[in-house]
Amino acid sequence: MPLNTIALELVPPNTDRGAEYARDEAREVLQYSAEAGIAGRIGHVTIPGMIAEDADRPIELKPKLDVLDYWSAIHPELPGVQGMCTQVTSFLNESALRSRLTGLGEAGFDGIIFVGVPRTMNDGEGGGVAPTDALSKFDDVVPNRGVILIPTRDGEQGRFDFKCDHGATFWMTQLLYSDAIVDFLSEYSRISEHRPEILLSFGFVPKLESKVRLIDWLIQDPGNPAVAAEQEFVRGLAASEPEIKRRRLLDLYKRVIDGVAELGYPLSLHFEAPYGVSKPAFDTFAEMLDYWSPQS
């Protein structure tokens, strides 16, 4: 069954901030949701399993609460909200990964996105289970098995088809700052009968991005002109006044929804605020939901 959800990504805090900081963040989610008029509409929280990546990450990656510890802190504050998470598979053997996935399911995670090695490593490194193998090996443990979709990445059509064949039930897109996903899914719908659920990811861009450039780093793909155009769009958003920024993000959202809504894929939404939840972010997400929602 499709997730058919509106998901909000929340990143575990640094371990030195503790569980109370996490609970405060969950309460902020409730507050901003109510103020934006979308109380009760968030169906899932997505929690990324954080691992060390490139040394040039704009914000230093310090030790963070484990996904399960974070979820146990925030879940009581978010009644009716289910959990999703990303799980790195490449550093765990089959037995250890099965144990981890079983624990996540018992804790209330009904969707798990399998991810592999960081981009500083090559596919196949890590010594554990490859994400594609995990899709089929753990279909008895995880009913909703997801992977990441980057529509601007070279060769992504082939990856998409291969992982659908191996049991991916849903795909969560990388943050979308262009409508490249429209052409990607339109083309795939012509060549394949696979129709996995697509979680369309949209992220708020605060003014701080002009200084820190975290989103620029997250979506980078050196030498890819399509991504360079997305990075330019992000820079323009960061420098824009709030009303202009909201309108440009809403225009992008409309183009994506209008382009993919009739292609036959079950659609869900995934909202991100990479610098932390805020009232402007929730106001923007609320306007998007006014235009289209999987709950409509």
Foldseek 3Di string as FASTA:
>chain_A
DDPLFEEEEDEFDAPVVPLVVLQVQLVVVQVLCVVLVNHPRGAEYEYEQDDDADPVQLDDDHHGDGPLRSCVSHVVSRPNHAYEYEDEFLQAAPVRVLVVLQVNVVSGHQAYEYDYDYPVDDPPPNNYDGLLRCQQVCCVRHVAYEYEQELLDPPRLVVVVSSVVSHHQEYEYDADQALSVLVSLVVSLVPDPDAHEYAHEHEQQELCCLPRVNVVVRQDDPPRVVSVVSSVSSNVLSPDDLVVNLVSSLVRLVVNCVRCVPSPHHYAYYYYYPVGDDSSSSNSVSVNVVVPHSVD
